[in-house]
């Protein structure tokens, strides 16, 4: 409803007042639009309610399917290992007396270690690349690099997995693996190039575009006056970046790291192709050889063992893996929200 369509009694009845952002339109004192803007708001609320209901349904469904293993294993599910032997026994057990005692510690540690290694490398490369794009690259080159980075972030994960199988795994095997090394550790695990190192490398290339893209947006959002103020005080370009740009953009950078961590933890296809598929407990007492040992993250276990889901015990176990991943993702989301609120309070947007 425009200003011209309001007569005097209507104005007095609804106590309308002009809103500067509406260019002549009127709103009520309780910020409700007179011309029927309640319908979009209702639609948004309905869609939000449906989204919340779907999330709750997913949680309930996954934990319901995983409940037999969660109930039978208890805390041993998180504190013991030997997953490969247990999954084999569960597959050959009958549905009347299934094997439901599992230990997923090796898979959980494999997930956390692989994601942490990839995240450390991706953050170092991503922040450095974002600074170079925003502060040192010419505008034309910066625009081209931003488009390329966003294109890399949209590449399907199976493509990264294929590159890992064709290039990364053979390189690791030819460069680091020797016959003597294979013979020495044959009783514990088989060294073939598909390893923790290969998983971390492939995962790094998958998540680094996310870190770069969001960090570039965060750094670009810093007002130019901040840079000019630093230069006016005689600061070098490096100190302006280190003391002004990065602290100002840290909320966006941290968000990019958390988002990249969430993708790394949940990545399944690419990691399952290069991880080796053995759910042993990572042991760094072997030194560098530990990075050449096979590993089995939770998401990769779901992919690798999905062909055995005809067994009730195996199906419940894989849903238990999914439940743990779901909890990890929820904690990351909550952590991101807490970090965002803390950053907003630090800059004075919230009390």
C-alpha atoms as a PDB file:
ATOM      1  CA  UNK A   1       0.000   0.000   0.000  1.00  0.00           C
ATOM      2  CA  UNK A   2       1.518   3.280  -1.040  1.00  0.00           C
ATOM      3  CA  UNK A   3       1.224   6.624   0.646  1.00  0.00           C
ATOM      4  CA  UNK A   4      -1.332   7.828  -1.881  1.00  0.00           C
ATOM      5  CA  UNK A   5      -3.711   4.955  -1.234  1.00  0.00           C
ATOM      6  CA  UNK A   6      -4.038   5.763   2.467  1.00  0.00           C
ATOM      7  CA  UNK A   7      -6.859   8.087   3.434  1.00  0.00           C
ATOM      8  CA  UNK A   8      -6.956  10.150   6.566  1.00  0.00           C
ATOM      9  CA  UNK A   9      -8.958   7.777   8.803  1.00  0.00           C
ATOM     10  CA  UNK A  10      -6.768   4.850   7.782  1.00  0.00           C
ATOM     11  CA  UNK A  11      -3.677   6.744   8.736  1.00  0.00           C
ATOM     12  CA  UNK A  12      -5.165   7.688  12.082  1.00  0.00           C
ATOM     13  CA  UNK A  13      -6.558   4.190  12.668  1.00  0.00           C
ATOM     14  CA  UNK A  14      -3.340   2.274  11.977  1.00  0.00           C
ATOM     15  CA  UNK A  15      -0.984   5.016  13.143  1.00  0.00           C
ATOM     16  CA  UNK A  16       1.262   4.570  10.134  1.00  0.00           C
ATOM     17  CA  UNK A  17       4.529   6.387   9.692  1.00  0.00           C
ATOM     18  CA  UNK A  18       6.881   6.575   6.686  1.00  0.00           C
ATOM     19  CA  UNK A  19       9.854   4.217   6.745  1.00  0.00           C
ATOM     20  CA  UNK A  20      12.943   5.640   4.979  1.00  0.00           C
ATOM     21  CA  UNK A  21      13.943   2.266   3.552  1.00  0.00           C
ATOM     22  CA  UNK A  22      10.544   1.690   1.901  1.00  0.00           C
ATOM     23  CA  UNK A  23      10.608   4.704  -0.461  1.00  0.00           C
ATOM     24  CA  UNK A  24       7.194   6.097   0.327  1.00  0.00           C
ATOM     25  CA  UNK A  25       5.503   2.952   1.643  1.00  0.00           C
ATOM     26  CA  UNK A  26       4.099   2.792   5.141  1.00  0.00           C
ATOM     27  CA  UNK A  27       4.484   0.329   7.989  1.00  0.00           C
ATOM     28  CA  UNK A  28       2.689  -0.159  11.267  1.00  0.00           C
ATOM     29  CA  UNK A  29       4.283   0.795  14.543  1.00  0.00           C
ATOM     30  CA  UNK A  30       4.956  -2.890  15.278  1.00  0.00           C
ATOM     31  CA  UNK A  31       6.936  -3.094  11.986  1.00  0.00           C
ATOM     32  CA  UNK A  32       4.201  -5.089  10.180  1.00  0.00           C
ATOM     33  CA  UNK A  33       3.763  -4.036   6.538  1.00  0.00           C
ATOM     34  CA  UNK A  34       0.283  -2.874   5.518  1.00  0.00           C
ATOM     35  CA  UNK A  35       0.425  -4.318   1.995  1.00  0.00           C
ATOM     36  CA  UNK A  36       0.473  -8.019   2.914  1.00  0.00           C
ATOM     37  CA  UNK A  37       4.135  -8.788   3.609  1.00  0.00           C
ATOM     38  CA  UNK A  38       2.943 -11.291   6.207  1.00  0.00           C
ATOM     39  CA  UNK A  39       2.620 -14.029   3.543  1.00  0.00           C
ATOM     40  CA  UNK A  40       6.371 -14.270   2.738  1.00  0.00           C
ATOM     41  CA  UNK A  41       7.115 -14.275   6.437  1.00  0.00           C
ATOM     42  CA  UNK A  42       4.659 -17.132   6.988  1.00  0.00           C
ATOM     43  CA  UNK A  43       6.221 -19.091   4.113  1.00  0.00           C
ATOM     44  CA  UNK A  44       9.686 -18.595   5.540  1.00  0.00           C
ATOM     45  CA  UNK A  45       8.522 -19.780   8.961  1.00  0.00           C
ATOM     46  CA  UNK A  46       6.883 -22.848   7.412  1.00  0.00           C
ATOM     47  CA  UNK A  47      10.030 -23.729   5.460  1.00  0.00           C
ATOM     48  CA  UNK A  48      12.161 -23.184   8.554  1.00  0.00           C
ATOM     49  CA  UNK A  49       9.860 -25.455  10.539  1.00  0.00           C
ATOM     50  CA  UNK A  50      10.091 -28.137   7.842  1.00  0.00           C
ATOM     51  CA  UNK A  51      13.899 -27.880   7.888  1.00  0.00           C
ATOM     52  CA  UNK A  52      13.995 -28.250  11.668  1.00  0.00           C
ATOM     53  CA  UNK A  53      11.616 -31.220  11.481  1.00  0.00           C
ATOM     54  CA  UNK A  54      13.801 -32.900   8.854  1.00  0.00           C
ATOM     55  CA  UNK A  55      16.935 -32.415  10.963  1.00  0.00           C
ATOM     56  CA  UNK A  56      15.186 -33.876  14.007  1.00  0.00           C
ATOM     57  CA  UNK A  57      13.933 -36.791  11.890  1.00  0.00           C
ATOM     58  CA  UNK A  58      17.458 -37.488  10.605  1.00  0.00           C
ATOM     59  CA  UNK A  59      18.836 -37.538  14.146  1.00  0.00           C
ATOM     60  CA  UNK A  60      16.066 -39.822  15.378  1.00  0.00           C
ATOM     61  CA  UNK A  61      16.326 -42.192  12.391  1.00  0.00           C
ATOM     62  CA  UNK A  62      20.122 -42.547  12.573  1.00  0.00           C
ATOM     63  CA  UNK A  63      20.222 -43.070  16.334  1.00  0.00           C
ATOM     64  CA  UNK A  64      17.288 -45.506  16.128  1.00  0.00           C
ATOM     65  CA  UNK A  65      19.140 -47.596  13.562  1.00  0.00           C
ATOM     66  CA  UNK A  66      22.385 -47.398  15.566  1.00  0.00           C
ATOM     67  CA  UNK A  67      20.738 -48.136  18.924  1.00  0.00           C
ATOM     68  CA  UNK A  68      21.429 -51.923  18.993  1.00  0.00           C
ATOM     69  CA  UNK A  69      25.195 -51.348  18.726  1.00  0.00           C
ATOM     70  CA  UNK A  70      25.117 -48.281  20.989  1.00  0.00           C
ATOM     71  CA  UNK A  71      23.264 -50.230  23.667  1.00  0.00           C
ATOM     72  CA  UNK A  72      25.392 -53.383  23.407  1.00  0.00           C
ATOM     73  CA  UNK A  73      28.779 -51.641  23.192  1.00  0.00           C
ATOM     74  CA  UNK A  74      28.276 -48.712  25.546  1.00  0.00           C
ATOM     75  CA  UNK A  75      31.426 -46.680  26.159  1.00  0.00           C
ATOM     76  CA  UNK A  76      33.516 -49.486  24.657  1.00  0.00           C
ATOM     77  CA  UNK A  77      32.356 -48.175  21.300  1.00  0.00           C
ATOM     78  CA  UNK A  78      34.518 -45.084  21.854  1.00  0.00           C
ATOM     79  CA  UNK A  79      37.382 -46.568  23.878  1.00  0.00           C
ATOM     80  CA  UNK A  80      38.255 -49.868  22.146  1.00  0.00           C
ATOM     81  CA  UNK A  81      39.316 -50.840  18.641  1.00  0.00           C
ATOM     82  CA  UNK A  82      39.810 -53.961  16.449  1.00  0.00           C
ATOM     83  CA  UNK A  83      37.044 -52.927  14.058  1.00  0.00           C
ATOM     84  CA  UNK A  84      38.149 -55.090  11.117  1.00  0.00           C
ATOM     85  CA  UNK A  85      37.863 -58.359  13.044  1.00  0.00           C
ATOM     86  CA  UNK A  86      34.572 -57.314  14.623  1.00  0.00           C
ATOM     87  CA  UNK A  87      32.955 -56.314  11.335  1.00  0.00           C
ATOM     88  CA  UNK A  88      33.933 -59.673   9.812  1.00  0.00           C
ATOM     89  CA  UNK A  89      32.428 -61.556  12.753  1.00  0.00           C
ATOM     90  CA  UNK A  90      29.293 -59.433  12.604  1.00  0.00           C
ATOM     91  CA  UNK A  91      28.810 -60.118   8.901  1.00  0.00           C
ATOM     92  CA  UNK A  92      28.886 -63.877   9.389  1.00  0.00           C
ATOM     93  CA  UNK A  93      26.709 -63.825  12.488  1.00  0.00           C
ATOM     94  CA  UNK A  94      23.023 -64.654  12.242  1.00  0.00           C
ATOM     95  CA  UNK A  95      20.232 -62.116  12.606  1.00  0.00           C
ATOM     96  CA  UNK A  96      18.917 -64.066  15.603  1.00  0.00           C
ATOM     97  CA  UNK A  97      22.204 -63.747  17.527  1.00  0.00           C
ATOM     98  CA  UNK A  98      24.079 -60.833  15.935  1.00  0.00           C
ATOM     99  CA  UNK A  99      27.512 -59.634  17.075  1.00  0.00           C
ATOM    100  CA  UNK A 100      26.883 -56.110  18.332  1.00  0.00           C
ATOM    101  CA  UNK A 101      29.977 -55.355  20.431  1.00  0.00           C
ATOM    102  CA  UNK A 102      32.207 -52.962  18.524  1.00  0.00           C
ATOM    103  CA  UNK A 103      35.080 -50.594  19.158  1.00  0.00           C
ATOM    104  CA  UNK A 104      35.434 -47.595  16.848  1.00  0.00           C
ATOM    105  CA  UNK A 105      38.381 -45.858  18.509  1.00  0.00           C
ATOM    106  CA  UNK A 106      40.678 -46.575  15.551  1.00  0.00           C
ATOM    107  CA  UNK A 107      38.150 -45.105  13.128  1.00  0.00           C
ATOM    108  CA  UNK A 108      37.520 -42.046  15.297  1.00  0.00           C
ATOM    109  CA  UNK A 109      41.238 -41.315  15.690  1.00  0.00           C
ATOM    110  CA  UNK A 110      41.766 -41.927  11.989  1.00  0.00           C
ATOM    111  CA  UNK A 111      39.075 -39.358  11.216  1.00  0.00           C
ATOM    112  CA  UNK A 112      40.441 -36.750  13.626  1.00  0.00           C
ATOM    113  CA  UNK A 113      44.096 -37.204  12.662  1.00  0.00           C
ATOM    114  CA  UNK A 114      43.432 -37.158   8.923  1.00  0.00           C
ATOM    115  CA  UNK A 115      41.228 -34.078   9.175  1.00  0.00           C
ATOM    116  CA  UNK A 116      43.651 -32.263  11.491  1.00  0.00           C
ATOM    117  CA  UNK A 117      46.643 -32.849   9.226  1.00  0.00           C
ATOM    118  CA  UNK A 118      44.698 -31.708   6.179  1.00  0.00           C
ATOM    119  CA  UNK A 119      43.324 -28.699   8.040  1.00  0.00           C
ATOM    120  CA  UNK A 120      46.733 -27.512   9.252  1.00  0.00           C
ATOM    121  CA  UNK A 121      48.132 -27.596   5.721  1.00  0.00           C
ATOM    122  CA  UNK A 122      44.983 -26.125   4.171  1.00  0.00           C
ATOM    123  CA  UNK A 123      44.849 -23.222   6.635  1.00  0.00           C
ATOM    124  CA  UNK A 124      48.495 -22.316   6.030  1.00  0.00           C
ATOM    125  CA  UNK A 125      48.064 -22.444   2.253  1.00  0.00           C
ATOM    126  CA  UNK A 126      44.585 -20.919   2.267  1.00  0.00           C
ATOM    127  CA  UNK A 127      45.300 -17.842   4.370  1.00  0.00           C
ATOM    128  CA  UNK A 128      48.568 -17.180   2.535  1.00  0.00           C
ATOM    129  CA  UNK A 129      46.856 -17.500  -0.836  1.00  0.00           C
ATOM    130  CA  UNK A 130      43.961 -15.273   0.215  1.00  0.00           C
ATOM    131  CA  UNK A 131      46.374 -12.548   1.348  1.00  0.00           C
ATOM    132  CA  UNK A 132      48.270 -12.786  -1.935  1.00  0.00           C
ATOM    133  CA  UNK A 133      45.035 -12.534  -3.947  1.00  0.00           C
ATOM    134  CA  UNK A 134      43.613  -9.601  -1.986  1.00  0.00           C
ATOM    135  CA  UNK A 135      46.758  -7.566  -1.338  1.00  0.00           C
ATOM    136  CA  UNK A 136      49.388  -8.324  -3.962  1.00  0.00           C
ATOM    137  CA  UNK A 137      47.718  -9.640  -7.126  1.00  0.00           C
ATOM    138  CA  UNK A 138      46.658  -7.144  -9.828  1.00  0.00           C
ATOM    139  CA  UNK A 139      42.871  -6.698 -10.024  1.00  0.00           C
ATOM    140  CA  UNK A 140      42.499  -8.652 -13.281  1.00  0.00           C
ATOM    141  CA  UNK A 141      44.566 -11.559 -11.995  1.00  0.00           C
ATOM    142  CA  UNK A 142      42.779 -11.483  -8.640  1.00  0.00           C
ATOM    143  CA  UNK A 143      39.379 -11.745 -10.331  1.00  0.00           C
ATOM    144  CA  UNK A 144      40.565 -14.688 -12.428  1.00  0.00           C
ATOM    145  CA  UNK A 145      42.025 -16.445  -9.383  1.00  0.00           C
ATOM    146  CA  UNK A 146      38.797 -15.990  -7.421  1.00  0.00           C
ATOM    147  CA  UNK A 147      36.815 -17.579 -10.241  1.00  0.00           C
ATOM    148  CA  UNK A 148      39.253 -20.494 -10.431  1.00  0.00           C
ATOM    149  CA  UNK A 149      39.138 -21.044  -6.658  1.00  0.00           C
ATOM    150  CA  UNK A 150      35.336 -21.145  -6.659  1.00  0.00           C
ATOM    151  CA  UNK A 151      35.451 -23.586  -9.565  1.00  0.00           C
ATOM    152  CA  UNK A 152      37.825 -25.845  -7.641  1.00  0.00           C
ATOM    153  CA  UNK A 153      35.506 -25.753  -4.618  1.00  0.00           C
ATOM    154  CA  UNK A 154      32.662 -27.114  -6.767  1.00  0.00           C
ATOM    155  CA  UNK A 155      34.564 -30.092  -8.227  1.00  0.00           C
ATOM    156  CA  UNK A 156      32.989 -33.426  -7.155  1.00  0.00           C
ATOM    157  CA  UNK A 157      34.934 -35.291  -4.506  1.00  0.00           C
ATOM    158  CA  UNK A 158      35.237 -38.420  -6.638  1.00  0.00           C
ATOM    159  CA  UNK A 159      37.429 -36.441  -9.058  1.00  0.00           C
ATOM    160  CA  UNK A 160      39.863 -35.651  -6.239  1.00  0.00           C
ATOM    161  CA  UNK A 161      39.788 -39.311  -5.252  1.00  0.00           C
ATOM    162  CA  UNK A 162      40.596 -40.362  -8.807  1.00  0.00           C
ATOM    163  CA  UNK A 163      43.525 -37.935  -8.930  1.00  0.00           C
ATOM    164  CA  UNK A 164      44.698 -39.342  -5.608  1.00  0.00           C
ATOM    165  CA  UNK A 165      44.617 -42.910  -6.912  1.00  0.00           C
ATOM    166  CA  UNK A 166      46.364 -42.020 -10.178  1.00  0.00           C
ATOM    167  CA  UNK A 167      48.941 -39.497  -8.931  1.00  0.00           C
ATOM    168  CA  UNK A 168      49.249 -39.209  -5.137  1.00  0.00           C
ATOM    169  CA  UNK A 169      49.285 -42.899  -4.149  1.00  0.00           C
ATOM    170  CA  UNK A 170      51.868 -43.972  -6.792  1.00  0.00           C
ATOM    171  CA  UNK A 171      54.077 -40.997  -5.900  1.00  0.00           C
ATOM    172  CA  UNK A 172      54.049 -41.883  -2.207  1.00  0.00           C
ATOM    173  CA  UNK A 173      54.742 -45.542  -2.962  1.00  0.00           C
ATOM    174  CA  UNK A 174      57.652 -44.799  -5.298  1.00  0.00           C
ATOM    175  CA  UNK A 175      59.171 -42.053  -3.137  1.00  0.00           C
ATOM    176  CA  UNK A 176      58.817 -43.256   0.441  1.00  0.00           C
ATOM    177  CA  UNK A 177      58.017 -46.976   0.428  1.00  0.00           C
ATOM    178  CA  UNK A 178      60.829 -49.535   0.192  1.00  0.00           C
ATOM    179  CA  UNK A 179      60.807 -53.322   0.092  1.00  0.00           C
ATOM    180  CA  UNK A 180      62.648 -53.519   3.416  1.00  0.00           C
ATOM    181  CA  UNK A 181      60.042 -51.266   4.998  1.00  0.00           C
ATOM    182  CA  UNK A 182      57.219 -53.418   3.673  1.00  0.00           C
ATOM    183  CA  UNK A 183      58.826 -56.588   5.026  1.00  0.00           C
ATOM    184  CA  UNK A 184      59.543 -55.049   8.431  1.00  0.00           C
ATOM    185  CA  UNK A 185      55.960 -53.956   9.084  1.00  0.00           C
ATOM    186  CA  UNK A 186      54.155 -56.727   7.199  1.00  0.00           C
ATOM    187  CA  UNK A 187      53.007 -58.367  10.445  1.00  0.00           C
ATOM    188  CA  UNK A 188      51.238 -55.148  11.526  1.00  0.00           C
ATOM    189  CA  UNK A 189      49.995 -53.595   8.286  1.00  0.00           C
ATOM    190  CA  UNK A 190      50.678 -53.579   4.574  1.00  0.00           C
ATOM    191  CA  UNK A 191      52.332 -50.487   3.105  1.00  0.00           C
ATOM    192  CA  UNK A 192      51.016 -49.877  -0.408  1.00  0.00           C
ATOM    193  CA  UNK A 193      50.890 -46.087  -0.785  1.00  0.00           C
ATOM    194  CA  UNK A 194      47.232 -45.921   0.255  1.00  0.00           C
ATOM    195  CA  UNK A 195      47.795 -44.411   3.635  1.00  0.00           C
ATOM    196  CA  UNK A 196      47.224 -41.667   6.162  1.00  0.00           C
ATOM    197  CA  UNK A 197      49.521 -39.402   4.158  1.00  0.00           C
ATOM    198  CA  UNK A 198      47.605 -39.954   0.928  1.00  0.00           C
ATOM    199  CA  UNK A 199      44.301 -39.280   2.706  1.00  0.00           C
ATOM    200  CA  UNK A 200      45.607 -36.052   4.234  1.00  0.00           C
ATOM    201  CA  UNK A 201      47.024 -34.822   0.911  1.00  0.00           C
ATOM    202  CA  UNK A 202      43.828 -35.511  -1.031  1.00  0.00           C
ATOM    203  CA  UNK A 203      41.699 -34.007   1.729  1.00  0.00           C
ATOM    204  CA  UNK A 204      43.924 -30.913   1.790  1.00  0.00           C
ATOM    205  CA  UNK A 205      43.323 -30.218  -1.885  1.00  0.00           C
ATOM    206  CA  UNK A 206      39.598 -30.711  -1.314  1.00  0.00           C
ATOM    207  CA  UNK A 207      39.181 -28.234   1.534  1.00  0.00           C
ATOM    208  CA  UNK A 208      41.775 -25.583   0.673  1.00  0.00           C
ATOM    209  CA  UNK A 209      39.501 -23.917  -1.959  1.00  0.00           C
ATOM    210  CA  UNK A 210      36.870 -23.461   0.760  1.00  0.00           C
ATOM    211  CA  UNK A 211      39.389 -21.804   3.071  1.00  0.00           C
ATOM    212  CA  UNK A 212      40.709 -19.547   0.316  1.00  0.00           C
ATOM    213  CA  UNK A 213      37.295 -18.520  -0.998  1.00  0.00           C
ATOM    214  CA  UNK A 214      35.807 -17.552   2.367  1.00  0.00           C
ATOM    215  CA  UNK A 215      39.037 -15.950   3.597  1.00  0.00           C
ATOM    216  CA  UNK A 216      39.222 -13.821   0.451  1.00  0.00           C
ATOM    217  CA  UNK A 217      35.661 -12.620   1.085  1.00  0.00           C
ATOM    218  CA  UNK A 218      36.507 -11.827   4.718  1.00  0.00           C
ATOM    219  CA  UNK A 219      39.677  -9.886   3.874  1.00  0.00           C
ATOM    220  CA  UNK A 220      38.007  -8.054   0.984  1.00  0.00           C
ATOM    221  CA  UNK A 221      35.242  -6.917   3.359  1.00  0.00           C
ATOM    222  CA  UNK A 222      37.726  -4.967   5.513  1.00  0.00           C
ATOM    223  CA  UNK A 223      37.167  -1.243   4.745  1.00  0.00           C
ATOM    224  CA  UNK A 224      39.891   0.444   2.727  1.00  0.00           C
ATOM    225  CA  UNK A 225      40.096   3.178   5.364  1.00  0.00           C
ATOM    226  CA  UNK A 226      41.603   0.663   7.781  1.00  0.00           C
ATOM    227  CA  UNK A 227      44.508   0.081   5.407  1.00  0.00           C
ATOM    228  CA  UNK A 228      44.930   3.790   4.775  1.00  0.00           C
ATOM    229  CA  UNK A 229      44.987   4.504   8.499  1.00  0.00           C
ATOM    230  CA  UNK A 230      47.746   1.962   9.009  1.00  0.00           C
ATOM    231  CA  UNK A 231      49.821   3.422   6.190  1.00  0.00           C
ATOM    232  CA  UNK A 232      49.228   6.932   7.568  1.00  0.00           C
ATOM    233  CA  UNK A 233      50.841   5.846  10.843  1.00  0.00           C
ATOM    234  CA  UNK A 234      53.912   4.653   8.955  1.00  0.00           C
ATOM    235  CA  UNK A 235      53.195   0.926   9.116  1.00  0.00           C
ATOM    236  CA  UNK A 236      54.645  -1.359   6.463  1.00  0.00           C
ATOM    237  CA  UNK A 237      52.368  -3.369   4.224  1.00  0.00           C
ATOM    238  CA  UNK A 238      53.223  -6.527   6.132  1.00  0.00           C
ATOM    239  CA  UNK A 239      52.329  -4.963   9.485  1.00  0.00           C
ATOM    240  CA  UNK A 240      49.074  -3.606   8.072  1.00  0.00           C
ATOM    241  CA  UNK A 241      48.182  -7.143   7.004  1.00  0.00           C
ATOM    242  CA  UNK A 242      49.313  -8.727  10.276  1.00  0.00           C
ATOM    243  CA  UNK A 243      48.012  -6.131  12.723  1.00  0.00           C
ATOM    244  CA  UNK A 244      44.926  -4.766  10.974  1.00  0.00           C
ATOM    245  CA  UNK A 245      43.561  -6.923   8.155  1.00  0.00           C
ATOM    246  CA  UNK A 246      43.841 -10.382   9.704  1.00  0.00           C
ATOM    247  CA  UNK A 247      42.486  -9.381  13.153  1.00  0.00           C
ATOM    248  CA  UNK A 248      39.579  -7.548  11.521  1.00  0.00           C
ATOM    249  CA  UNK A 249      38.759 -10.474   9.224  1.00  0.00           C
ATOM    250  CA  UNK A 250      39.388 -13.202  11.806  1.00  0.00           C
ATOM    251  CA  UNK A 251      35.705 -14.063  12.257  1.00  0.00           C
ATOM    252  CA  UNK A 252      35.328 -14.854   8.558  1.00  0.00           C
ATOM    253  CA  UNK A 253      38.629 -16.730   8.499  1.00  0.00           C
ATOM    254  CA  UNK A 254      37.674 -18.830  11.519  1.00  0.00           C
ATOM    255  CA  UNK A 255      34.320 -19.580   9.911  1.00  0.00           C
ATOM    256  CA  UNK A 256      36.113 -20.808   6.796  1.00  0.00           C
ATOM    257  CA  UNK A 257      38.308 -23.083   8.910  1.00  0.00           C
ATOM    258  CA  UNK A 258      35.319 -24.541  10.748  1.00  0.00           C
ATOM    259  CA  UNK A 259      33.426 -25.086   7.498  1.00  0.00           C
ATOM    260  CA  UNK A 260      36.481 -26.776   5.983  1.00  0.00           C
ATOM    261  CA  UNK A 261      36.792 -28.987   9.067  1.00  0.00           C
ATOM    262  CA  UNK A 262      33.164 -30.029   8.704  1.00  0.00           C
ATOM    263  CA  UNK A 263      33.705 -30.994   5.087  1.00  0.00           C
ATOM    264  CA  UNK A 264      36.908 -32.850   5.960  1.00  0.00           C
ATOM    265  CA  UNK A 265      35.278 -34.912   8.696  1.00  0.00           C
ATOM    266  CA  UNK A 266      32.333 -35.884   6.523  1.00  0.00           C
ATOM    267  CA  UNK A 267      34.208 -36.550   3.287  1.00  0.00           C
ATOM    268  CA  UNK A 268      33.769 -40.184   2.254  1.00  0.00           C
ATOM    269  CA  UNK A 269      34.280 -40.980  -1.422  1.00  0.00           C
ATOM    270  CA  UNK A 270      37.688 -39.434  -2.078  1.00  0.00           C
ATOM    271  CA  UNK A 271      39.154 -40.544   1.245  1.00  0.00           C
ATOM    272  CA  UNK A 272      37.840 -44.091   0.878  1.00  0.00           C
ATOM    273  CA  UNK A 273      39.710 -44.386  -2.427  1.00  0.00           C
ATOM    274  CA  UNK A 274      43.150 -43.592  -0.966  1.00  0.00           C
ATOM    275  CA  UNK A 275      43.025 -44.393   2.770  1.00  0.00           C
ATOM    276  CA  UNK A 276      43.850 -48.104   2.592  1.00  0.00           C
ATOM    277  CA  UNK A 277      40.633 -49.235   4.273  1.00  0.00           C
ATOM    278  CA  UNK A 278      42.151 -50.807   7.411  1.00  0.00           C
ATOM    279  CA  UNK A 279      40.746 -49.682  10.753  1.00  0.00           C
ATOM    280  CA  UNK A 280      43.906 -50.053  12.831  1.00  0.00           C
ATOM    281  CA  UNK A 281      44.713 -47.792  15.758  1.00  0.00           C
ATOM    282  CA  UNK A 282      47.174 -45.091  14.620  1.00  0.00           C
ATOM    283  CA  UNK A 283      50.508 -45.559  16.405  1.00  0.00           C
ATOM    284  CA  UNK A 284      53.066 -42.770  15.977  1.00  0.00           C
ATOM    285  CA  UNK A 285      55.761 -44.669  17.859  1.00  0.00           C
ATOM    286  CA  UNK A 286      56.829 -45.994  14.452  1.00  0.00           C
ATOM    287  CA  UNK A 287      57.888 -42.512  13.427  1.00  0.00           C
ATOM    288  CA  UNK A 288      57.467 -41.471   9.817  1.00  0.00           C
ATOM    289  CA  UNK A 289      56.198 -44.940   8.891  1.00  0.00           C
ATOM    290  CA  UNK A 290      53.013 -44.131  10.793  1.00  0.00           C
ATOM    291  CA  UNK A 291      52.040 -41.709   8.025  1.00  0.00           C
ATOM    292  CA  UNK A 292      52.487 -44.498   5.471  1.00  0.00           C
ATOM    293  CA  UNK A 293      50.197 -46.884   7.372  1.00  0.00           C
ATOM    294  CA  UNK A 294      46.648 -47.470   6.117  1.00  0.00           C
ATOM    295  CA  UNK A 295      43.797 -45.760   7.932  1.00  0.00           C
ATOM    296  CA  UNK A 296      40.010 -45.965   7.939  1.00  0.00           C
ATOM    297  CA  UNK A 297      38.052 -42.810   8.856  1.00  0.00           C
ATOM    298  CA  UNK A 298      34.415 -43.121   9.874  1.00  0.00           C
ATOM    299  CA  UNK A 299      33.012 -41.790   6.617  1.00  0.00           C
ATOM    300  CA  UNK A 300      35.232 -44.081   4.546  1.00  0.00           C
ATOM    301  CA  UNK A 301      34.142 -47.055   6.671  1.00  0.00           C
ATOM    302  CA  UNK A 302      30.510 -46.370   5.768  1.00  0.00           C
ATOM    303  CA  UNK A 303      31.393 -46.422   2.066  1.00  0.00           C
ATOM    304  CA  UNK A 304      33.764 -49.404   2.177  1.00  0.00           C
ATOM    305  CA  UNK A 305      31.508 -51.622   4.295  1.00  0.00           C
ATOM    306  CA  UNK A 306      28.152 -50.611   2.813  1.00  0.00           C
ATOM    307  CA  UNK A 307      28.069 -53.717   0.615  1.00  0.00           C
ATOM    308  CA  UNK A 308      27.704 -55.796   3.797  1.00  0.00           C
ATOM    309  CA  UNK A 309      24.627 -53.933   5.071  1.00  0.00           C
ATOM    310  CA  UNK A 310      22.468 -56.994   4.477  1.00  0.00           C
ATOM    311  CA  UNK A 311      23.645 -58.062   7.924  1.00  0.00           C
ATOM    312  CA  UNK A 312      21.669 -56.488  10.772  1.00  0.00           C
ATOM    313  CA  UNK A 313      24.789 -56.080  12.918  1.00  0.00           C
ATOM    314  CA  UNK A 314      26.815 -54.444  10.149  1.00  0.00           C
ATOM    315  CA  UNK A 315      23.952 -52.070   9.306  1.00  0.00           C
ATOM    316  CA  UNK A 316      23.621 -50.998  12.920  1.00  0.00           C
ATOM    317  CA  UNK A 317      27.399 -50.514  13.154  1.00  0.00           C
ATOM    318  CA  UNK A 318      27.534 -48.287  10.094  1.00  0.00           C
ATOM    319  CA  UNK A 319      24.669 -46.225  11.464  1.00  0.00           C
ATOM    320  CA  UNK A 320      26.680 -45.928  14.697  1.00  0.00           C
ATOM    321  CA  UNK A 321      29.536 -44.490  12.610  1.00  0.00           C
ATOM    322  CA  UNK A 322      27.050 -42.079  11.052  1.00  0.00           C
ATOM    323  CA  UNK A 323      25.759 -41.098  14.491  1.00  0.00           C
ATOM    324  CA  UNK A 324      29.274 -40.220  15.664  1.00  0.00           C
ATOM    325  CA  UNK A 325      29.848 -38.158  12.520  1.00  0.00           C
ATOM    326  CA  UNK A 326      26.523 -36.425  13.096  1.00  0.00           C
ATOM    327  CA  UNK A 327      27.517 -35.499  16.635  1.00  0.00           C
ATOM    328  CA  UNK A 328      30.889 -34.198  15.417  1.00  0.00           C
ATOM    329  CA  UNK A 329      29.144 -32.055  12.813  1.00  0.00           C
ATOM    330  CA  UNK A 330      26.707 -30.722  15.402  1.00  0.00           C
ATOM    331  CA  UNK A 331      29.561 -29.733  17.712  1.00  0.00           C
ATOM    332  CA  UNK A 332      31.299 -27.954  14.835  1.00  0.00           C
ATOM    333  CA  UNK A 333      28.106 -26.043  14.016  1.00  0.00           C
ATOM    334  CA  UNK A 334      27.595 -25.060  17.653  1.00  0.00           C
ATOM    335  CA  UNK A 335      31.244 -24.086  17.915  1.00  0.00           C
ATOM    336  CA  UNK A 336      30.969 -21.917  14.815  1.00  0.00           C
ATOM    337  CA  UNK A 337      27.946 -20.172  16.300  1.00  0.00           C
ATOM    338  CA  UNK A 338      29.712 -19.554  19.601  1.00  0.00           C
ATOM    339  CA  UNK A 339      32.773 -18.180  17.809  1.00  0.00           C
ATOM    340  CA  UNK A 340      30.560 -15.893  15.734  1.00  0.00           C
ATOM    341  CA  UNK A 341      28.793 -14.541  18.819  1.00  0.00           C
ATOM    342  CA  UNK A 342      32.092 -13.996  20.608  1.00  0.00           C
ATOM    343  CA  UNK A 343      33.517 -12.128  17.634  1.00  0.00           C
ATOM    344  CA  UNK A 344      30.409  -9.971  17.333  1.00  0.00           C
ATOM    345  CA  UNK A 345      30.638  -9.100  21.013  1.00  0.00           C
ATOM    346  CA  UNK A 346      34.298  -8.246  20.614  1.00  0.00           C
ATOM    347  CA  UNK A 347      33.537  -5.682  17.909  1.00  0.00           C
ATOM    348  CA  UNK A 348      30.485  -4.333  19.744  1.00  0.00           C
ATOM    349  CA  UNK A 349      27.610  -5.723  17.627  1.00  0.00           C
ATOM    350  CA  UNK A 350      26.183  -7.713  20.555  1.00  0.00           C
ATOM    351  CA  UNK A 351      26.223  -7.289  24.304  1.00  0.00           C
END
